[in-house]
Amino acid sequence: GLTYDREAIIRWLNDLWVKTKNGIMFYVKGTRLFWNDIVYCSSLIGRAAQGYTLKPREVRTIRRTFKDIITFIPVVIILIIPLSPVGHVLVFGAIQRFFPDFFPSCFTEQRQNLLQLYETTEFSEVTIKENLQERLTRFLEAFAFFVAKKTRNTYRLLTDQTDSSSDEPPSKHNDDEKVV
């Protein structure tokens, strides 16, 4: 008969859950990238219609997005066709092998990795700015303390000189600070 290993089944289900979650997140990110590309390209087309000369990078972006729009429709149709999971893997594997540019660019690992790199760089930049702000605050506090100390010492020096002009001995301060 069949034996059931509870731990193996739980591991398999957890692994299946993680892979499913990663796959869904991949397509969600791809869809978000696709939408952002469409919005950005529509703004570029609007600017070009107003007479603005597009830069070569912007023209490449428009071309890539139009290609993505054209290839998105067949990919969605293939995904909707009721095939077994193995059939989808075989169909997409064959398409990717023989027509590597068939998939929209926002659904490629290269573009998704680039998005992740931008997001982590953005987070690091915010962290660096916070650290710089904290350093600036500490520096300003130290500078204010330094100025206050020097002002106090200068005031004491001036008041001591005023006292000595009246032929009284200067008073000694118990501070271990040097007078400027």
N, C-alpha and C. Protein backbone atom coordinates (compact mmCIF):
# COMPACT_ATOMS: atom_id res chain seq x y z
N GLY A 1 0.77 -1.15 0.00
CA GLY A 1 0.00 0.00 0.00
C GLY A 1 0.85 1.27 0.00
N LEU A 2 0.15 2.33 0.02
CA LEU A 2 0.77 3.64 0.04
C LEU A 2 1.03 4.07 1.48
N THR A 3 2.18 4.69 1.67
CA THR A 3 2.48 5.26 2.98
C THR A 3 2.55 6.77 2.82
N TYR A 4 2.13 7.48 3.83
CA TYR A 4 2.12 8.93 3.78
C TYR A 4 3.15 9.47 4.76
N ASP A 5 4.08 10.22 4.20
CA ASP A 5 5.07 10.89 5.04
C ASP A 5 4.59 12.33 5.25
N ARG A 6 4.10 12.60 6.43
CA ARG A 6 3.49 13.90 6.72
C ARG A 6 4.48 15.04 6.49
N GLU A 7 5.72 14.89 6.94
CA GLU A 7 6.72 15.96 6.79
C GLU A 7 7.04 16.22 5.32
N ALA A 8 7.14 15.16 4.52
CA ALA A 8 7.43 15.33 3.09
C ALA A 8 6.28 16.05 2.38
N ILE A 9 5.06 15.73 2.76
CA ILE A 9 3.90 16.38 2.14
C ILE A 9 3.88 17.86 2.53
N ILE A 10 4.16 18.16 3.79
CA ILE A 10 4.17 19.55 4.24
C ILE A 10 5.28 20.32 3.54
N ARG A 11 6.47 19.72 3.41
CA ARG A 11 7.57 20.37 2.69
C ARG A 11 7.20 20.63 1.25
N TRP A 12 6.56 19.63 0.61
CA TRP A 12 6.16 19.78 -0.79
C TRP A 12 5.12 20.89 -0.94
N LEU A 13 4.16 20.96 -0.03
CA LEU A 13 3.14 22.00 -0.09
C LEU A 13 3.75 23.38 0.16
N ASN A 14 4.68 23.48 1.11
CA ASN A 14 5.35 24.76 1.37
C ASN A 14 6.16 25.20 0.15
N ASP A 15 6.86 24.25 -0.46
CA ASP A 15 7.64 24.56 -1.66
C ASP A 15 6.71 24.99 -2.80
N LEU A 16 5.60 24.30 -2.95
CA LEU A 16 4.63 24.66 -3.98
C LEU A 16 4.07 26.05 -3.71
N TRP A 17 3.78 26.37 -2.45
CA TRP A 17 3.26 27.69 -2.09
C TRP A 17 4.28 28.78 -2.42
N VAL A 18 5.56 28.55 -2.09
CA VAL A 18 6.60 29.55 -2.35
C VAL A 18 6.76 29.77 -3.86
N LYS A 19 6.79 28.68 -4.62
CA LYS A 19 6.93 28.81 -6.08
C LYS A 19 5.72 29.52 -6.69
N THR A 20 4.54 29.21 -6.21
CA THR A 20 3.33 29.85 -6.72
C THR A 20 3.34 31.33 -6.40
N LYS A 21 3.71 31.66 -5.16
CA LYS A 21 3.77 33.06 -4.75
C LYS A 21 4.80 33.82 -5.58
N ASN A 22 5.98 33.22 -5.81
CA ASN A 22 7.01 33.87 -6.63
C ASN A 22 6.54 34.06 -8.07
N GLY A 23 5.86 33.06 -8.62
CA GLY A 23 5.34 33.16 -9.98
C GLY A 23 4.30 34.26 -10.11
N ILE A 24 3.41 34.34 -9.14
CA ILE A 24 2.38 35.38 -9.17
C ILE A 24 3.03 36.75 -9.05
N MET A 25 4.00 36.88 -8.15
CA MET A 25 4.68 38.17 -7.98
C MET A 25 5.43 38.57 -9.26
N PHE A 26 5.99 37.57 -9.96
CA PHE A 26 6.68 37.84 -11.22
C PHE A 26 5.72 38.46 -12.23
N TYR A 27 4.52 37.87 -12.36
CA TYR A 27 3.55 38.39 -13.31
C TYR A 27 2.93 39.71 -12.84
N VAL A 28 2.80 39.90 -11.54
CA VAL A 28 2.29 41.17 -11.03
C VAL A 28 3.29 42.28 -11.33
N LYS A 29 4.57 42.02 -11.07
CA LYS A 29 5.61 43.02 -11.37
C LYS A 29 5.66 43.29 -12.87
N GLY A 30 5.56 42.23 -13.67
CA GLY A 30 5.58 42.40 -15.11
C GLY A 30 4.42 43.23 -15.60
N THR A 31 3.23 42.98 -15.04
CA THR A 31 2.06 43.76 -15.42
C THR A 31 2.21 45.22 -14.99
N ARG A 32 2.76 45.43 -13.80
CA ARG A 32 3.00 46.80 -13.33
C ARG A 32 4.00 47.52 -14.24
N LEU A 33 5.07 46.83 -14.62
CA LEU A 33 6.04 47.41 -15.55
C LEU A 33 5.39 47.72 -16.89
N PHE A 34 4.57 46.80 -17.37
CA PHE A 34 3.90 46.98 -18.65
C PHE A 34 3.00 48.22 -18.61
N TRP A 35 2.23 48.35 -17.54
CA TRP A 35 1.35 49.52 -17.41
C TRP A 35 2.17 50.80 -17.33
N ASN A 36 3.25 50.81 -16.52
CA ASN A 36 4.10 52.00 -16.41
C ASN A 36 4.71 52.37 -17.75
N ASP A 37 5.11 51.36 -18.53
CA ASP A 37 5.65 51.62 -19.86
C ASP A 37 4.61 52.27 -20.77
N ILE A 38 3.38 51.76 -20.72
CA ILE A 38 2.32 52.30 -21.56
C ILE A 38 2.03 53.75 -21.19
N VAL A 39 1.95 54.04 -19.88
CA VAL A 39 1.67 55.40 -19.43
C VAL A 39 2.81 56.33 -19.84
N TYR A 40 4.06 55.88 -19.63
CA TYR A 40 5.21 56.72 -19.98
C TYR A 40 5.26 56.98 -21.49
N CYS A 41 4.99 55.95 -22.28
CA CYS A 41 5.02 56.13 -23.74
C CYS A 41 3.89 57.04 -24.22
N SER A 42 2.74 56.95 -23.58
CA SER A 42 1.66 57.86 -23.98
C SER A 42 2.05 59.30 -23.68
N SER A 43 2.77 59.54 -22.57
CA SER A 43 3.22 60.90 -22.29
C SER A 43 4.28 61.34 -23.30
N LEU A 44 5.16 60.41 -23.71
CA LEU A 44 6.17 60.74 -24.72
C LEU A 44 5.53 61.06 -26.06
N ILE A 45 4.51 60.29 -26.43
CA ILE A 45 3.81 60.54 -27.69
C ILE A 45 3.10 61.89 -27.63
N GLY A 46 2.51 62.20 -26.48
CA GLY A 46 1.87 63.51 -26.31
C GLY A 46 2.87 64.65 -26.44
N ARG A 47 4.06 64.49 -25.86
CA ARG A 47 5.09 65.52 -25.97
C ARG A 47 5.56 65.66 -27.42
N ALA A 48 5.70 64.52 -28.11
CA ALA A 48 6.13 64.57 -29.51
C ALA A 48 5.07 65.24 -30.37
N ALA A 49 3.80 65.02 -30.04
CA ALA A 49 2.72 65.65 -30.80
C ALA A 49 2.72 67.17 -30.60
N GLN A 50 3.24 67.64 -29.48
CA GLN A 50 3.31 69.07 -29.22
C GLN A 50 4.55 69.72 -29.84
N GLY A 51 5.37 68.91 -30.51
CA GLY A 51 6.53 69.46 -31.20
C GLY A 51 7.85 69.20 -30.51
N TYR A 52 7.86 68.51 -29.40
CA TYR A 52 9.09 68.20 -28.70
C TYR A 52 9.84 67.12 -29.47
N THR A 53 11.14 67.31 -29.64
CA THR A 53 11.96 66.30 -30.31
C THR A 53 12.40 65.27 -29.30
N LEU A 54 12.05 64.02 -29.57
CA LEU A 54 12.38 62.95 -28.63
C LEU A 54 13.85 62.57 -28.75
N LYS A 55 14.42 62.18 -27.63
CA LYS A 55 15.79 61.70 -27.60
C LYS A 55 15.82 60.26 -28.11
N PRO A 56 16.97 59.79 -28.57
CA PRO A 56 17.03 58.41 -29.07
C PRO A 56 16.61 57.37 -28.04
N ARG A 57 16.93 57.61 -26.78
CA ARG A 57 16.54 56.68 -25.72
C ARG A 57 15.02 56.62 -25.60
N GLU A 58 14.36 57.76 -25.74
CA GLU A 58 12.91 57.81 -25.65
C GLU A 58 12.26 57.12 -26.85
N VAL A 59 12.87 57.26 -28.01
CA VAL A 59 12.35 56.58 -29.21
C VAL A 59 12.48 55.06 -29.03
N ARG A 60 13.61 54.61 -28.48
CA ARG A 60 13.78 53.18 -28.22
C ARG A 60 12.74 52.67 -27.23
N THR A 61 12.44 53.49 -26.24
CA THR A 61 11.42 53.10 -25.26
C THR A 61 10.06 52.95 -25.92
N ILE A 62 9.71 53.87 -26.80
CA ILE A 62 8.43 53.77 -27.51
C ILE A 62 8.40 52.52 -28.38
N ARG A 63 9.47 52.26 -29.11
CA ARG A 63 9.51 51.05 -29.96
C ARG A 63 9.38 49.78 -29.14
N ARG A 64 10.10 49.73 -28.00
CA ARG A 64 10.04 48.55 -27.15
C ARG A 64 8.63 48.35 -26.61
N THR A 65 7.98 49.43 -26.23
CA THR A 65 6.63 49.31 -25.67
C THR A 65 5.63 48.88 -26.73
N PHE A 66 5.73 49.42 -27.95
CA PHE A 66 4.83 48.97 -29.01
C PHE A 66 5.05 47.49 -29.32
N LYS A 67 6.30 47.06 -29.33
CA LYS A 67 6.59 45.63 -29.54
C LYS A 67 6.00 44.80 -28.41
N ASP A 68 6.10 45.31 -27.18
CA ASP A 68 5.52 44.59 -26.04
C ASP A 68 4.01 44.49 -26.15
N ILE A 69 3.37 45.56 -26.61
CA ILE A 69 1.91 45.53 -26.77
C ILE A 69 1.51 44.50 -27.82
N ILE A 70 2.25 44.48 -28.92
CA ILE A 70 1.93 43.53 -29.99
C ILE A 70 2.16 42.09 -29.55
N THR A 71 3.21 41.83 -28.78
CA THR A 71 3.49 40.46 -28.35
C THR A 71 2.68 40.06 -27.12
N PHE A 72 2.13 41.01 -26.40
CA PHE A 72 1.37 40.70 -25.19
C PHE A 72 0.10 39.92 -25.53
N ILE A 73 -0.56 40.30 -26.61
CA ILE A 73 -1.84 39.68 -26.97
C ILE A 73 -1.68 38.18 -27.25
N PRO A 74 -0.73 37.73 -28.10
CA PRO A 74 -0.59 36.29 -28.30
C PRO A 74 -0.18 35.52 -27.03
N VAL A 75 0.64 36.14 -26.19
CA VAL A 75 1.05 35.47 -24.96
C VAL A 75 -0.15 35.24 -24.06
N VAL A 76 -1.01 36.24 -23.94
CA VAL A 76 -2.21 36.09 -23.11
C VAL A 76 -3.13 35.02 -23.70
N ILE A 77 -3.26 34.99 -25.02
CA ILE A 77 -4.12 33.97 -25.66
C ILE A 77 -3.56 32.58 -25.36
N ILE A 78 -2.25 32.41 -25.46
CA ILE A 78 -1.65 31.10 -25.18
C ILE A 78 -1.85 30.73 -23.72
N LEU A 79 -1.76 31.70 -22.83
CA LEU A 79 -1.97 31.42 -21.41
C LEU A 79 -3.42 31.02 -21.13
N ILE A 80 -4.36 31.61 -21.87
CA ILE A 80 -5.77 31.32 -21.63
C ILE A 80 -6.18 29.96 -22.18
N ILE A 81 -5.53 29.51 -23.26
CA ILE A 81 -5.87 28.21 -23.87
C ILE A 81 -5.71 27.12 -22.81
N PRO A 82 -6.73 26.32 -22.63
CA PRO A 82 -6.66 25.30 -21.58
C PRO A 82 -5.69 24.17 -21.97
N LEU A 83 -4.48 24.29 -21.50
CA LEU A 83 -3.49 23.24 -21.66
C LEU A 83 -3.12 22.74 -20.27
N SER A 84 -2.53 21.58 -20.24
CA SER A 84 -2.02 21.11 -18.96
C SER A 84 -0.80 21.95 -18.60
N PRO A 85 -0.40 21.98 -17.33
CA PRO A 85 0.79 22.73 -16.96
C PRO A 85 2.02 22.30 -17.76
N VAL A 86 2.11 21.00 -18.03
CA VAL A 86 3.23 20.51 -18.83
C VAL A 86 3.13 21.06 -20.25
N GLY A 87 1.91 21.15 -20.79
CA GLY A 87 1.72 21.69 -22.13
C GLY A 87 2.13 23.15 -22.21
N HIS A 88 1.77 23.92 -21.18
CA HIS A 88 2.19 25.33 -21.15
C HIS A 88 3.71 25.45 -21.11
N VAL A 89 4.33 24.61 -20.29
CA VAL A 89 5.80 24.65 -20.19
C VAL A 89 6.42 24.31 -21.53
N LEU A 90 5.90 23.28 -22.20
CA LEU A 90 6.45 22.88 -23.50
C LEU A 90 6.23 23.97 -24.55
N VAL A 91 5.04 24.54 -24.59
CA VAL A 91 4.73 25.58 -25.59
C VAL A 91 5.61 26.80 -25.35
N PHE A 92 5.66 27.28 -24.10
CA PHE A 92 6.46 28.47 -23.80
C PHE A 92 7.95 28.19 -23.96
N GLY A 93 8.38 26.98 -23.64
CA GLY A 93 9.79 26.62 -23.84
C GLY A 93 10.17 26.64 -25.32
N ALA A 94 9.28 26.08 -26.17
CA ALA A 94 9.55 26.08 -27.61
C ALA A 94 9.53 27.50 -28.16
N ILE A 95 8.55 28.28 -27.73
CA ILE A 95 8.48 29.67 -28.22
C ILE A 95 9.73 30.44 -27.80
N GLN A 96 10.12 30.27 -26.53
CA GLN A 96 11.29 31.01 -26.05
C GLN A 96 12.56 30.56 -26.75
N ARG A 97 12.63 29.30 -27.11
CA ARG A 97 13.83 28.79 -27.78
C ARG A 97 13.91 29.30 -29.22
N PHE A 98 12.80 29.24 -29.95
CA PHE A 98 12.83 29.58 -31.37
C PHE A 98 12.51 31.06 -31.64
N PHE A 99 11.76 31.68 -30.76
CA PHE A 99 11.43 33.10 -30.89
C PHE A 99 11.71 33.82 -29.56
N PRO A 100 12.98 34.08 -29.26
CA PRO A 100 13.31 34.64 -27.94
C PRO A 100 12.73 36.02 -27.68
N ASP A 101 12.45 36.80 -28.72
CA ASP A 101 11.89 38.13 -28.51
C ASP A 101 10.36 38.13 -28.53
N PHE A 102 9.75 36.95 -28.46
CA PHE A 102 8.30 36.85 -28.53
C PHE A 102 7.62 37.38 -27.28
N PHE A 103 8.27 37.19 -26.13
CA PHE A 103 7.66 37.62 -24.87
C PHE A 103 7.84 39.12 -24.67
N PRO A 104 6.85 39.77 -24.08
CA PRO A 104 7.02 41.19 -23.77
C PRO A 104 8.21 41.38 -22.82
N SER A 105 8.95 42.46 -23.01
CA SER A 105 10.19 42.66 -22.24
C SER A 105 9.92 42.78 -20.74
N CYS A 106 8.73 43.23 -20.36
CA CYS A 106 8.46 43.40 -18.94
C CYS A 106 8.25 42.06 -18.24
N PHE A 107 8.11 40.99 -18.99
CA PHE A 107 7.96 39.66 -18.41
C PHE A 107 9.23 38.83 -18.58
N THR A 108 10.37 39.49 -18.73
CA THR A 108 11.64 38.77 -18.79
C THR A 108 12.39 38.96 -17.48
N GLU A 109 13.22 37.99 -17.15
CA GLU A 109 13.97 38.07 -15.90
C GLU A 109 14.92 39.26 -15.91
N GLN A 110 15.50 39.57 -17.06
CA GLN A 110 16.45 40.68 -17.15
C GLN A 110 15.78 41.99 -16.72
N ARG A 111 14.60 42.24 -17.23
CA ARG A 111 13.90 43.49 -16.92
C ARG A 111 13.43 43.50 -15.47
N GLN A 112 12.98 42.35 -14.96
CA GLN A 112 12.53 42.27 -13.57
C GLN A 112 13.71 42.47 -12.62
N ASN A 113 14.88 41.89 -12.97
CA ASN A 113 16.06 42.08 -12.14
C ASN A 113 16.49 43.54 -12.14
N LEU A 114 16.36 44.19 -13.29
CA LEU A 114 16.69 45.61 -13.38
C LEU A 114 15.77 46.45 -12.48
N LEU A 115 14.48 46.11 -12.48
CA LEU A 115 13.52 46.79 -11.61
C LEU A 115 13.91 46.59 -10.14
N GLN A 116 14.26 45.36 -9.79
CA GLN A 116 14.66 45.07 -8.41
C GLN A 116 15.92 45.86 -8.03
N LEU A 117 16.86 45.96 -8.97
CA LEU A 117 18.08 46.72 -8.72
C LEU A 117 17.76 48.19 -8.48
N TYR A 118 16.86 48.76 -9.29
CA TYR A 118 16.46 50.15 -9.10
C TYR A 118 15.78 50.35 -7.75
N GLU A 119 14.91 49.40 -7.38
CA GLU A 119 14.21 49.53 -6.11
C GLU A 119 15.18 49.46 -4.93
N THR A 120 16.17 48.56 -4.97
CA THR A 120 17.13 48.47 -3.87
C THR A 120 18.04 49.70 -3.86
N THR A 121 18.39 50.21 -5.03
CA THR A 121 19.22 51.41 -5.09
C THR A 121 18.46 52.59 -4.52
N GLU A 122 17.18 52.69 -4.84
CA GLU A 122 16.35 53.76 -4.30
C GLU A 122 16.30 53.68 -2.79
N PHE A 123 16.16 52.45 -2.24
CA PHE A 123 16.12 52.27 -0.79
C PHE A 123 17.47 52.64 -0.17
N SER A 124 18.56 52.24 -0.81
CA SER A 124 19.89 52.57 -0.30
C SER A 124 20.11 54.07 -0.32
N GLU A 125 19.64 54.74 -1.37
CA GLU A 125 19.78 56.19 -1.48
C GLU A 125 19.04 56.89 -0.35
N VAL A 126 17.85 56.40 -0.01
CA VAL A 126 17.10 56.98 1.10
C VAL A 126 17.85 56.77 2.40
N THR A 127 18.41 55.56 2.60
CA THR A 127 19.17 55.27 3.80
C THR A 127 20.40 56.16 3.89
N ILE A 128 21.10 56.35 2.79
CA ILE A 128 22.28 57.21 2.79
C ILE A 128 21.88 58.65 3.11
N LYS A 129 20.78 59.13 2.54
CA LYS A 129 20.33 60.48 2.83
C LYS A 129 20.00 60.64 4.30
N GLU A 130 19.36 59.61 4.89
CA GLU A 130 19.06 59.68 6.32
C GLU A 130 20.35 59.74 7.12
N ASN A 131 21.31 58.92 6.77
CA ASN A 131 22.58 58.93 7.49
C ASN A 131 23.27 60.28 7.34
N LEU A 132 23.24 60.85 6.15
CA LEU A 132 23.85 62.17 5.95
C LEU A 132 23.12 63.23 6.76
N GLN A 133 21.81 63.12 6.83
CA GLN A 133 21.04 64.09 7.61
C GLN A 133 21.38 63.96 9.08
N GLU A 134 21.51 62.74 9.57
CA GLU A 134 21.90 62.55 10.97
C GLU A 134 23.30 63.12 11.22
N ARG A 135 24.22 62.89 10.31
CA ARG A 135 25.57 63.42 10.48
C ARG A 135 25.56 64.95 10.47
N LEU A 136 24.78 65.53 9.59
CA LEU A 136 24.69 66.98 9.53
C LEU A 136 24.11 67.54 10.83
N THR A 137 23.11 66.88 11.37
CA THR A 137 22.52 67.31 12.64
C THR A 137 23.55 67.24 13.76
N ARG A 138 24.29 66.14 13.83
CA ARG A 138 25.33 66.02 14.85
C ARG A 138 26.39 67.10 14.67
N PHE A 139 26.79 67.36 13.44
CA PHE A 139 27.81 68.38 13.18
C PHE A 139 27.31 69.76 13.62
N LEU A 140 26.05 70.07 13.29
CA LEU A 140 25.51 71.37 13.66
C LEU A 140 25.40 71.51 15.18
N GLU A 141 25.01 70.43 15.86
CA GLU A 141 24.96 70.48 17.31
C GLU A 141 26.35 70.71 17.90
N ALA A 142 27.34 70.00 17.39
CA ALA A 142 28.71 70.17 17.87
C ALA A 142 29.21 71.58 17.57
N PHE A 143 28.90 72.10 16.40
CA PHE A 143 29.33 73.44 16.04
C PHE A 143 28.67 74.48 16.96
N ALA A 144 27.38 74.32 17.25
CA ALA A 144 26.68 75.24 18.16
C ALA A 144 27.31 75.18 19.54
N PHE A 145 27.63 74.00 20.03
CA PHE A 145 28.28 73.86 21.33
C PHE A 145 29.64 74.55 21.32
N PHE A 146 30.39 74.35 20.24
CA PHE A 146 31.72 74.96 20.12
C PHE A 146 31.62 76.48 20.14
N VAL A 147 30.67 77.03 19.37
CA VAL A 147 30.49 78.49 19.31
C VAL A 147 30.07 79.02 20.67
N ALA A 148 29.17 78.33 21.35
CA ALA A 148 28.71 78.77 22.67
C ALA A 148 29.87 78.77 23.67
N LYS A 149 30.70 77.75 23.62
CA LYS A 149 31.84 77.66 24.53
C LYS A 149 32.83 78.80 24.28
N LYS A 150 33.13 79.04 22.99
CA LYS A 150 34.06 80.12 22.65
C LYS A 150 33.49 81.49 23.03
N THR A 151 32.19 81.67 22.83
CA THR A 151 31.55 82.93 23.18
C THR A 151 31.61 83.14 24.70
N ARG A 152 31.34 82.09 25.46
CA ARG A 152 31.40 82.19 26.91
C ARG A 152 32.81 82.54 27.38
N ASN A 153 33.81 81.87 26.79
CA ASN A 153 35.20 82.14 27.17
C ASN A 153 35.60 83.56 26.80
N THR A 154 35.17 84.01 25.64
CA THR A 154 35.48 85.38 25.22
C THR A 154 34.81 86.38 26.15
N TYR A 155 33.57 86.13 26.53
CA TYR A 155 32.86 87.00 27.45
C TYR A 155 33.59 87.07 28.79
N ARG A 156 34.04 85.92 29.29
CA ARG A 156 34.77 85.90 30.56
C ARG A 156 36.07 86.69 30.44
N LEU A 157 36.75 86.51 29.32
CA LEU A 157 38.00 87.23 29.11
C LEU A 157 37.75 88.74 29.10
N LEU A 158 36.72 89.17 28.42
CA LEU A 158 36.40 90.60 28.35
C LEU A 158 35.97 91.14 29.72
N THR A 159 35.18 90.38 30.45
CA THR A 159 34.75 90.86 31.77
C THR A 159 35.91 90.88 32.74
N ASP A 160 36.85 89.93 32.59
CA ASP A 160 38.04 89.92 33.44
C ASP A 160 38.91 91.14 33.14
N GLN A 161 39.02 91.55 31.89
CA GLN A 161 39.83 92.71 31.54
C GLN A 161 39.18 93.98 32.06
N THR A 162 37.86 94.04 32.05
CA THR A 162 37.17 95.20 32.58
C THR A 162 37.39 95.29 34.08
N ASP A 163 37.38 94.17 34.76
CA ASP A 163 37.62 94.14 36.20
C ASP A 163 39.04 94.59 36.52
N SER A 164 40.05 94.19 35.72
CA SER A 164 41.44 94.55 36.00
C SER A 164 41.70 96.03 35.71
N SER A 165 40.90 96.67 34.90
CA SER A 165 41.09 98.10 34.67
C SER A 165 40.65 98.91 35.88
N SER A 166 39.83 98.32 36.75
CA SER A 166 39.41 99.01 37.96
C SER A 166 40.33 98.65 39.13
N ASP A 167 41.52 98.13 38.84
CA ASP A 167 42.57 97.78 39.80
C ASP A 167 42.16 96.70 40.78
N GLU A 168 41.26 95.84 40.37
CA GLU A 168 40.94 94.68 41.19
C GLU A 168 41.58 93.46 40.56
N PRO A 169 42.02 92.52 41.36
CA PRO A 169 42.62 91.32 40.76
C PRO A 169 41.56 90.53 40.02
N PRO A 170 41.94 89.97 38.84
CA PRO A 170 40.95 89.19 38.07
C PRO A 170 40.51 87.96 38.86
N SER A 171 39.26 87.65 38.73
CA SER A 171 38.75 86.48 39.45
C SER A 171 39.12 85.23 38.67
N LYS A 172 39.42 84.19 39.41
CA LYS A 172 39.79 82.92 38.80
C LYS A 172 38.52 82.08 38.63
N HIS A 173 38.39 81.48 37.47
CA HIS A 173 37.25 80.59 37.23
C HIS A 173 37.71 79.17 37.48
N ASN A 174 36.82 78.34 37.97
CA ASN A 174 37.17 76.97 38.29
C ASN A 174 37.09 76.05 37.08
N ASP A 175 36.79 76.59 35.92
CA ASP A 175 36.71 75.76 34.70
C ASP A 175 38.11 75.40 34.26
N ASP A 176 38.25 74.23 33.73
CA ASP A 176 39.54 73.77 33.20
C ASP A 176 39.68 74.15 31.75
N GLU A 177 38.88 75.11 31.31
CA GLU A 177 38.91 75.48 29.90
C GLU A 177 39.96 76.55 29.69
N LYS A 178 40.57 76.55 28.56
CA LYS A 178 41.55 77.57 28.20
C LYS A 178 40.81 78.79 27.71
N VAL A 179 41.28 79.94 28.08
CA VAL A 179 40.66 81.19 27.65
C VAL A 179 41.31 81.61 26.35
N VAL A 180 40.50 81.98 25.38
CA VAL A 180 41.02 82.36 24.07
C VAL A 180 41.55 83.77 24.12
